[in-house]
Structure formats: C-alpha cells, structure tokens
Amino acid sequence: MNPEKEIHNPIRLLVSVDFSDCCRRALRKALDLVSGRKTEFIVLHVIDQRFVKECIRLGLSIEDEIKKKLFIDAKAKLKALVAEELLDYTTKSIVCEGVPYLEINRKAEEFKADIIVIGSCGMAGNPENIFFGGTTEKVMRFTKRPVFCIPPNG
C-alpha cells in the first residue's frame, strides 16, 4: 500500500446491516480495524422482497403499507445506529428493497466500496440456507470486492 495515497483517499466500507447482534459485532470489528484512518461508511439495509411477498401472502396488509412501515422502521434504526456507532465518520445511510445479496453487491459496485463488511449469523433453522448458503456466503460468492466477514459468537 502507498502511505501517501492512504492519507488522501479514505477507505470506503459498505456495511450491510440487518440490526442483529452479529451485524453490530461486524461493524465494531471494522471500526477497530480502521481506527485512525480516514474512512467513509456506506451503511446499507436491504428490505428482503421475499419477506414482503410472504407478508402479502399471509394477508397481513397490502404491499404499499408493508413497504412503507418497513422503510420507515429501517430508516429510524439506521439513524440510531449511525448516531451510536459512527458519529466520527462520514456516512451514507441507504435503505433499499430487493434480494439482499444482490443489492449488497450492486451497492458495493455503485459506490465503489473498497471492502464489504458483513456479519454472519449462521444458518441454524433455515434448510434453504444449509443447502444454498445464507446471505453472507452468497455475497462472497458473487462479488469481485473484498469481504470482511465476522462469524457468529461461539
């Protein structure tokens, strides 16, 4: 690495958050690693379109109401997360809808992230994830960018 370049060009981290403990652990570990370096954070939450479709199928509400509630909730949680963890950094908070691993990779390309930061919560309880991999594994499988993955505790 060129030390001159590091001084002038901040490292850009795309941090995928689902508001779980494992994503907070991943964010904190990334903060430890970039301590003292100029860093930009792109904090991304993806509303899973499959979850929205399942809510509609179950008759919980209509699509627009479900999405509105999810977007409002996610934006409020992102704002709180940034206020708690990232006050000293330049941040961009993004909420979008789609298939999480695809959107994470799209946004990493769009914002030219140097590293994708993601927590892995494990695959317990979801047979689809056991056979096809969870979001973290799919992000790593389909990206061209480095991925900083923090595994679950214990």
C-alpha atoms as a PDB file:
ATOM      1  CA  MET A   1       0.000   0.000   0.000  1.00  0.00           C
ATOM      2  CA  ASN A   2       1.086   3.500  -0.722  1.00  0.00           C
ATOM      3  CA  PRO A   3       1.057   5.553   2.534  1.00  0.00           C
ATOM      4  CA  GLU A   4       0.719   8.823   0.569  1.00  0.00           C
ATOM      5  CA  LYS A   5      -2.408   7.519  -1.157  1.00  0.00           C
ATOM      6  CA  GLU A   6      -3.916   6.383   2.173  1.00  0.00           C
ATOM      7  CA  ILE A   7      -3.632   9.893   3.626  1.00  0.00           C
ATOM      8  CA  HIS A   8      -5.575  11.494   0.796  1.00  0.00           C
ATOM      9  CA  ASN A   9      -8.034   8.755  -0.169  1.00  0.00           C
ATOM     10  CA  PRO A  10     -10.276   7.449   2.577  1.00  0.00           C
ATOM     11  CA  ILE A  11     -11.111   3.781   2.660  1.00  0.00           C
ATOM     12  CA  ARG A  12     -14.756   3.211   1.716  1.00  0.00           C
ATOM     13  CA  LEU A  13     -16.597   0.475   3.611  1.00  0.00           C
ATOM     14  CA  LEU A  14     -20.035  -0.789   2.697  1.00  0.00           C
ATOM     15  CA  VAL A  15     -21.550  -2.207   5.869  1.00  0.00           C
ATOM     16  CA  SER A  16     -24.586  -4.434   5.477  1.00  0.00           C
ATOM     17  CA  VAL A  17     -26.881  -4.211   8.488  1.00  0.00           C
ATOM     18  CA  ASP A  18     -29.919  -6.191   9.479  1.00  0.00           C
ATOM     19  CA  PHE A  19     -29.911  -4.730  13.020  1.00  0.00           C
ATOM     20  CA  SER A  20     -28.891  -8.065  14.572  1.00  0.00           C
ATOM     21  CA  ASP A  21     -26.191  -8.515  17.194  1.00  0.00           C
ATOM     22  CA  CYS A  22     -23.908 -10.151  14.628  1.00  0.00           C
ATOM     23  CA  CYS A  23     -24.076  -7.132  12.299  1.00  0.00           C
ATOM     24  CA  ARG A  24     -23.245  -4.807  15.200  1.00  0.00           C
ATOM     25  CA  ARG A  25     -20.275  -7.032  16.077  1.00  0.00           C
ATOM     26  CA  ALA A  26     -19.082  -6.836  12.471  1.00  0.00           C
ATOM     27  CA  LEU A  27     -19.401  -3.042  12.459  1.00  0.00           C
ATOM     28  CA  ARG A  28     -17.485  -2.722  15.729  1.00  0.00           C
ATOM     29  CA  LYS A  29     -14.720  -5.027  14.494  1.00  0.00           C
ATOM     30  CA  ALA A  30     -14.433  -2.939  11.316  1.00  0.00           C
ATOM     31  CA  LEU A  31     -14.241   0.216  13.444  1.00  0.00           C
ATOM     32  CA  ASP A  32     -11.365  -1.321  15.407  1.00  0.00           C
ATOM     33  CA  LEU A  33      -9.502  -2.054  12.183  1.00  0.00           C
ATOM     34  CA  VAL A  34      -9.924   1.397  10.635  1.00  0.00           C
ATOM     35  CA  SER A  35      -9.228   3.306  13.845  1.00  0.00           C
ATOM     36  CA  GLY A  36      -7.133   6.346  12.996  1.00  0.00           C
ATOM     37  CA  ARG A  37      -7.681   6.068   9.243  1.00  0.00           C
ATOM     38  CA  LYS A  38      -9.836   8.355   7.178  1.00  0.00           C
ATOM     39  CA  THR A  39     -12.887   6.196   6.431  1.00  0.00           C
ATOM     40  CA  GLU A  40     -16.230   6.592   4.695  1.00  0.00           C
ATOM     41  CA  PHE A  41     -19.072   4.282   5.637  1.00  0.00           C
ATOM     42  CA  ILE A  42     -21.962   3.300   3.410  1.00  0.00           C
ATOM     43  CA  VAL A  43     -24.463   1.710   5.784  1.00  0.00           C
ATOM     44  CA  LEU A  44     -26.960  -0.431   3.901  1.00  0.00           C
ATOM     45  CA  HIS A  45     -30.142  -2.183   4.950  1.00  0.00           C
ATOM     46  CA  VAL A  46     -31.964  -4.282   2.377  1.00  0.00           C
ATOM     47  CA  ILE A  47     -35.655  -4.965   2.832  1.00  0.00           C
ATOM     48  CA  ASP A  48     -35.995  -8.525   1.593  1.00  0.00           C
ATOM     49  CA  GLN A  49     -38.609  -8.598  -1.170  1.00  0.00           C
ATOM     50  CA  ARG A  50     -39.312 -12.256  -0.295  1.00  0.00           C
ATOM     51  CA  PHE A  51     -40.350 -11.145   3.199  1.00  0.00           C
ATOM     52  CA  VAL A  52     -42.677  -8.510   1.739  1.00  0.00           C
ATOM     53  CA  LYS A  53     -44.269 -11.118  -0.561  1.00  0.00           C
ATOM     54  CA  GLU A  54     -44.744 -13.516   2.355  1.00  0.00           C
ATOM     55  CA  CYS A  55     -46.478 -10.793   4.419  1.00  0.00           C
ATOM     56  CA  ILE A  56     -48.827 -10.128   1.497  1.00  0.00           C
ATOM     57  CA  ARG A  57     -49.487 -13.856   1.046  1.00  0.00           C
ATOM     58  CA  LEU A  58     -50.393 -14.129   4.735  1.00  0.00           C
ATOM     59  CA  GLY A  59     -52.804 -11.214   4.356  1.00  0.00           C
ATOM     60  CA  LEU A  60     -51.060  -9.045   6.936  1.00  0.00           C
ATOM     61  CA  SER A  61     -51.580  -5.896   4.893  1.00  0.00           C
ATOM     62  CA  ILE A  62     -51.335  -4.518   1.389  1.00  0.00           C
ATOM     63  CA  GLU A  63     -47.964  -4.163  -0.309  1.00  0.00           C
ATOM     64  CA  ASP A  64     -47.675  -0.363  -0.075  1.00  0.00           C
ATOM     65  CA  GLU A  65     -48.438  -0.329   3.646  1.00  0.00           C
ATOM     66  CA  ILE A  66     -45.976  -3.132   4.394  1.00  0.00           C
ATOM     67  CA  LYS A  67     -43.189  -1.439   2.442  1.00  0.00           C
ATOM     68  CA  LYS A  68     -43.897   1.966   3.970  1.00  0.00           C
ATOM     69  CA  LYS A  69     -43.733   0.546   7.500  1.00  0.00           C
ATOM     70  CA  LEU A  70     -40.534  -1.399   6.766  1.00  0.00           C
ATOM     71  CA  PHE A  71     -38.811   1.621   5.156  1.00  0.00           C
ATOM     72  CA  ILE A  72     -39.764   3.990   7.999  1.00  0.00           C
ATOM     73  CA  ASP A  73     -38.618   1.485  10.617  1.00  0.00           C
ATOM     74  CA  ALA A  74     -35.325   0.748   8.831  1.00  0.00           C
ATOM     75  CA  LYS A  75     -34.506   4.438   8.323  1.00  0.00           C
ATOM     76  CA  ALA A  76     -35.109   5.153  12.024  1.00  0.00           C
ATOM     77  CA  LYS A  77     -32.936   2.220  13.078  1.00  0.00           C
ATOM     78  CA  LEU A  78     -30.166   3.249  10.663  1.00  0.00           C
ATOM     79  CA  LYS A  79     -30.227   6.794  12.013  1.00  0.00           C
ATOM     80  CA  ALA A  80     -29.893   5.476  15.569  1.00  0.00           C
ATOM     81  CA  LEU A  81     -27.095   3.080  14.596  1.00  0.00           C
ATOM     82  CA  VAL A  82     -25.115   5.845  12.892  1.00  0.00           C
ATOM     83  CA  ALA A  83     -25.637   8.136  15.907  1.00  0.00           C
ATOM     84  CA  GLU A  84     -24.416   5.416  18.287  1.00  0.00           C
ATOM     85  CA  GLU A  85     -21.512   3.983  16.335  1.00  0.00           C
ATOM     86  CA  LEU A  86     -20.388   6.276  13.502  1.00  0.00           C
ATOM     87  CA  LEU A  87     -20.566   9.894  14.659  1.00  0.00           C
ATOM     88  CA  ASP A  88     -16.887  10.496  13.914  1.00  0.00           C
ATOM     89  CA  TYR A  89     -17.110   9.244  10.325  1.00  0.00           C
ATOM     90  CA  THR A  90     -18.553  10.342   7.020  1.00  0.00           C
ATOM     91  CA  THR A  91     -21.561   8.100   6.434  1.00  0.00           C
ATOM     92  CA  LYS A  92     -24.240   7.497   3.864  1.00  0.00           C
ATOM     93  CA  SER A  93     -27.274   5.533   5.022  1.00  0.00           C
ATOM     94  CA  ILE A  94     -29.243   3.586   2.441  1.00  0.00           C
ATOM     95  CA  VAL A  95     -32.435   1.558   2.647  1.00  0.00           C
ATOM     96  CA  CYS A  96     -33.462  -0.356  -0.441  1.00  0.00           C
ATOM     97  CA  GLU A  97     -35.612  -3.332  -1.368  1.00  0.00           C
ATOM     98  CA  GLY A  98     -34.619  -6.488  -3.194  1.00  0.00           C
ATOM     99  CA  VAL A  99     -32.788  -9.753  -2.739  1.00  0.00           C
ATOM    100  CA  PRO A 100     -30.224  -8.909  -0.032  1.00  0.00           C
ATOM    101  CA  TYR A 101     -27.077 -10.461  -1.505  1.00  0.00           C
ATOM    102  CA  LEU A 102     -27.786  -8.968  -4.938  1.00  0.00           C
ATOM    103  CA  GLU A 103     -28.449  -5.486  -3.554  1.00  0.00           C
ATOM    104  CA  ILE A 104     -25.379  -5.596  -1.309  1.00  0.00           C
ATOM    105  CA  ASN A 105     -23.214  -6.440  -4.308  1.00  0.00           C
ATOM    106  CA  ARG A 106     -24.932  -3.833  -6.516  1.00  0.00           C
ATOM    107  CA  LYS A 107     -24.441  -1.083  -3.958  1.00  0.00           C
ATOM    108  CA  ALA A 108     -20.812  -2.099  -3.385  1.00  0.00           C
ATOM    109  CA  GLU A 109     -20.197  -1.645  -7.113  1.00  0.00           C
ATOM    110  CA  GLU A 110     -22.270   1.531  -7.363  1.00  0.00           C
ATOM    111  CA  PHE A 111     -20.393   3.229  -4.520  1.00  0.00           C
ATOM    112  CA  LYS A 112     -17.029   1.655  -5.383  1.00  0.00           C
ATOM    113  CA  ALA A 113     -16.648   0.178  -1.910  1.00  0.00           C
ATOM    114  CA  ASP A 114     -13.134  -0.906  -1.036  1.00  0.00           C
ATOM    115  CA  ILE A 115     -14.478  -3.570   1.336  1.00  0.00           C
ATOM    116  CA  ILE A 116     -17.882  -5.091   2.126  1.00  0.00           C
ATOM    117  CA  VAL A 117     -18.382  -5.606   5.870  1.00  0.00           C
ATOM    118  CA  ILE A 118     -20.954  -8.194   6.875  1.00  0.00           C
ATOM    119  CA  GLY A 119     -21.753 -10.303   9.903  1.00  0.00           C
ATOM    120  CA  SER A 120     -22.623 -13.943   9.560  1.00  0.00           C
ATOM    121  CA  CYS A 121     -25.330 -15.124  11.932  1.00  0.00           C
ATOM    122  CA  GLY A 122     -25.042 -18.795  10.984  1.00  0.00           C
ATOM    123  CA  MET A 123     -27.549 -20.956   9.183  1.00  0.00           C
ATOM    124  CA  ALA A 124     -29.432 -22.547  12.045  1.00  0.00           C
ATOM    125  CA  GLY A 125     -33.100 -23.200  11.440  1.00  0.00           C
ATOM    126  CA  ASN A 126     -33.251 -22.452   7.736  1.00  0.00           C
ATOM    127  CA  PRO A 127     -32.953 -25.507   5.460  1.00  0.00           C
ATOM    128  CA  GLU A 128     -32.606 -23.305   2.340  1.00  0.00           C
ATOM    129  CA  ASN A 129     -29.504 -21.674   3.798  1.00  0.00           C
ATOM    130  CA  ILE A 130     -27.952 -25.018   4.688  1.00  0.00           C
ATOM    131  CA  PHE A 131     -28.135 -26.201   1.074  1.00  0.00           C
ATOM    132  CA  PHE A 132     -27.702 -22.936  -0.839  1.00  0.00           C
ATOM    133  CA  GLY A 133     -25.855 -20.674   1.604  1.00  0.00           C
ATOM    134  CA  GLY A 134     -27.011 -17.637   3.509  1.00  0.00           C
ATOM    135  CA  THR A 135     -26.755 -14.004   2.516  1.00  0.00           C
ATOM    136  CA  THR A 136     -23.135 -13.661   3.631  1.00  0.00           C
ATOM    137  CA  GLU A 137     -21.988 -16.689   1.673  1.00  0.00           C
ATOM    138  CA  LYS A 138     -23.825 -15.502  -1.437  1.00  0.00           C
ATOM    139  CA  VAL A 139     -22.313 -12.015  -1.134  1.00  0.00           C
ATOM    140  CA  MET A 140     -18.847 -13.577  -1.018  1.00  0.00           C
ATOM    141  CA  ARG A 141     -19.615 -15.939  -3.889  1.00  0.00           C
ATOM    142  CA  PHE A 142     -20.850 -13.238  -6.284  1.00  0.00           C
ATOM    143  CA  THR A 143     -18.728 -10.178  -5.533  1.00  0.00           C
ATOM    144  CA  LYS A 144     -15.428  -9.041  -7.000  1.00  0.00           C
ATOM    145  CA  ARG A 145     -14.697  -6.947  -3.915  1.00  0.00           C
ATOM    146  CA  PRO A 146     -13.021  -7.994  -0.667  1.00  0.00           C
ATOM    147  CA  VAL A 147     -15.444  -9.065   2.055  1.00  0.00           C
ATOM    148  CA  PHE A 148     -14.764  -8.664   5.769  1.00  0.00           C
ATOM    149  CA  CYS A 149     -16.979 -11.299   7.383  1.00  0.00           C
ATOM    150  CA  ILE A 150     -17.397 -11.715  11.118  1.00  0.00           C
ATOM    151  CA  PRO A 151     -18.722 -15.145  12.145  1.00  0.00           C
ATOM    152  CA  PRO A 152     -21.262 -15.649  14.935  1.00  0.00           C
ATOM    153  CA  ASN A 153     -20.051 -15.868  18.546  1.00  0.00           C
ATOM    154  CA  GLY A 154     -19.360 -19.288  19.989  1.00  0.00           C
END
